């Protein structure tokens, strides 16, 4: 029982960390003057609170898009 709870706590912590890092990426983009990508990342952080990994995937796709552009 204790190991299940510890695993659940780690999962929650990682999920919250993903949301926070995506939100920070969005704020940094806004600070750099990249309004569209900043708003995209902030929106992805909000969705990521319900869909785990969505914010991370959005951030990675945005970086790939910039590299290929």
C-alpha atoms as a PDB file:
ATOM      1  CA  UNK A   1       0.000   0.000   0.000  1.00  0.00           C
ATOM      2  CA  UNK A   2       2.796   2.421   0.872  1.00  0.00           C
ATOM      3  CA  UNK A   3       4.595   1.827  -2.436  1.00  0.00           C
ATOM      4  CA  UNK A   4       1.411   2.584  -4.372  1.00  0.00           C
ATOM      5  CA  UNK A   5       0.983   5.854  -2.518  1.00  0.00           C
ATOM      6  CA  UNK A   6       4.634   6.809  -3.077  1.00  0.00           C
ATOM      7  CA  UNK A   7       4.289   6.074  -6.780  1.00  0.00           C
ATOM      8  CA  UNK A   8       1.120   8.176  -6.923  1.00  0.00           C
ATOM      9  CA  UNK A   9       2.906  11.047  -5.157  1.00  0.00           C
ATOM     10  CA  UNK A  10       5.779  10.899  -7.666  1.00  0.00           C
ATOM     11  CA  UNK A  11       3.359  10.875 -10.574  1.00  0.00           C
ATOM     12  CA  UNK A  12       1.562  13.938  -9.206  1.00  0.00           C
ATOM     13  CA  UNK A  13       4.867  15.732  -8.632  1.00  0.00           C
ATOM     14  CA  UNK A  14       6.061  15.048 -12.190  1.00  0.00           C
ATOM     15  CA  UNK A  15       2.719  16.143 -13.625  1.00  0.00           C
ATOM     16  CA  UNK A  16       2.856  19.408 -11.681  1.00  0.00           C
ATOM     17  CA  UNK A  17       6.484  19.965 -12.685  1.00  0.00           C
ATOM     18  CA  UNK A  18       5.538  19.572 -16.342  1.00  0.00           C
ATOM     19  CA  UNK A  19       2.776  22.165 -16.017  1.00  0.00           C
ATOM     20  CA  UNK A  20       5.046  24.603 -14.177  1.00  0.00           C
ATOM     21  CA  UNK A  21       7.953  24.292 -16.625  1.00  0.00           C
ATOM     22  CA  UNK A  22       5.664  24.778 -19.612  1.00  0.00           C
ATOM     23  CA  UNK A  23       4.145  27.849 -17.974  1.00  0.00           C
ATOM     24  CA  UNK A  24       7.637  29.215 -17.287  1.00  0.00           C
ATOM     25  CA  UNK A  25       8.586  28.610 -20.931  1.00  0.00           C
ATOM     26  CA  UNK A  26       5.492  30.588 -21.925  1.00  0.00           C
ATOM     27  CA  UNK A  27       6.366  33.483 -19.636  1.00  0.00           C
ATOM     28  CA  UNK A  28       9.931  33.533 -20.973  1.00  0.00           C
ATOM     29  CA  UNK A  29       8.633  33.620 -24.543  1.00  0.00           C
ATOM     30  CA  UNK A  30       6.414  36.571 -23.683  1.00  0.00           C
ATOM     31  CA  UNK A  31       9.383  38.326 -22.061  1.00  0.00           C
ATOM     32  CA  UNK A  32      11.385  37.814 -25.278  1.00  0.00           C
ATOM     33  CA  UNK A  33       8.576  39.436 -27.266  1.00  0.00           C
ATOM     34  CA  UNK A  34       7.312  36.233 -28.871  1.00  0.00           C
ATOM     35  CA  UNK A  35       3.646  36.781 -28.090  1.00  0.00           C
ATOM     36  CA  UNK A  36       2.101  33.959 -30.135  1.00  0.00           C
ATOM     37  CA  UNK A  37       4.417  31.217 -28.923  1.00  0.00           C
ATOM     38  CA  UNK A  38       4.169  32.509 -25.340  1.00  0.00           C
ATOM     39  CA  UNK A  39       0.390  32.359 -25.411  1.00  0.00           C
ATOM     40  CA  UNK A  40       0.538  28.947 -27.089  1.00  0.00           C
ATOM     41  CA  UNK A  41       2.741  27.599 -24.307  1.00  0.00           C
ATOM     42  CA  UNK A  42       0.603  29.115 -21.553  1.00  0.00           C
ATOM     43  CA  UNK A  43      -2.464  27.518 -23.122  1.00  0.00           C
ATOM     44  CA  UNK A  44      -0.617  24.223 -23.408  1.00  0.00           C
ATOM     45  CA  UNK A  45       0.285  24.434 -19.711  1.00  0.00           C
ATOM     46  CA  UNK A  46      -3.390  24.865 -18.859  1.00  0.00           C
ATOM     47  CA  UNK A  47      -4.367  21.863 -21.002  1.00  0.00           C
ATOM     48  CA  UNK A  48      -1.448  19.884 -19.590  1.00  0.00           C
ATOM     49  CA  UNK A  49      -3.005  20.052 -16.150  1.00  0.00           C
ATOM     50  CA  UNK A  50      -5.718  17.745 -17.542  1.00  0.00           C
ATOM     51  CA  UNK A  51      -3.762  15.889 -20.255  1.00  0.00           C
ATOM     52  CA  UNK A  52      -0.343  14.808 -18.943  1.00  0.00           C
ATOM     53  CA  UNK A  53       2.500  15.488 -21.348  1.00  0.00           C
ATOM     54  CA  UNK A  54       0.603  17.870 -23.611  1.00  0.00           C
ATOM     55  CA  UNK A  55       2.646  20.898 -22.568  1.00  0.00           C
ATOM     56  CA  UNK A  56       5.931  19.078 -22.981  1.00  0.00           C
ATOM     57  CA  UNK A  57       4.935  17.853 -26.441  1.00  0.00           C
ATOM     58  CA  UNK A  58       3.864  21.365 -27.467  1.00  0.00           C
ATOM     59  CA  UNK A  59       7.141  22.831 -26.249  1.00  0.00           C
ATOM     60  CA  UNK A  60       9.150  20.230 -28.152  1.00  0.00           C
ATOM     61  CA  UNK A  61       7.156  20.723 -31.349  1.00  0.00           C
ATOM     62  CA  UNK A  62       7.634  24.486 -31.092  1.00  0.00           C
ATOM     63  CA  UNK A  63      11.403  24.023 -30.782  1.00  0.00           C
ATOM     64  CA  UNK A  64      11.488  21.652 -33.769  1.00  0.00           C
ATOM     65  CA  UNK A  65       9.422  24.104 -35.808  1.00  0.00           C
ATOM     66  CA  UNK A  66      11.849  26.938 -35.018  1.00  0.00           C
ATOM     67  CA  UNK A  67      14.868  24.809 -35.881  1.00  0.00           C
ATOM     68  CA  UNK A  68      13.421  23.764 -39.257  1.00  0.00           C
ATOM     69  CA  UNK A  69      12.195  27.239 -40.150  1.00  0.00           C
END
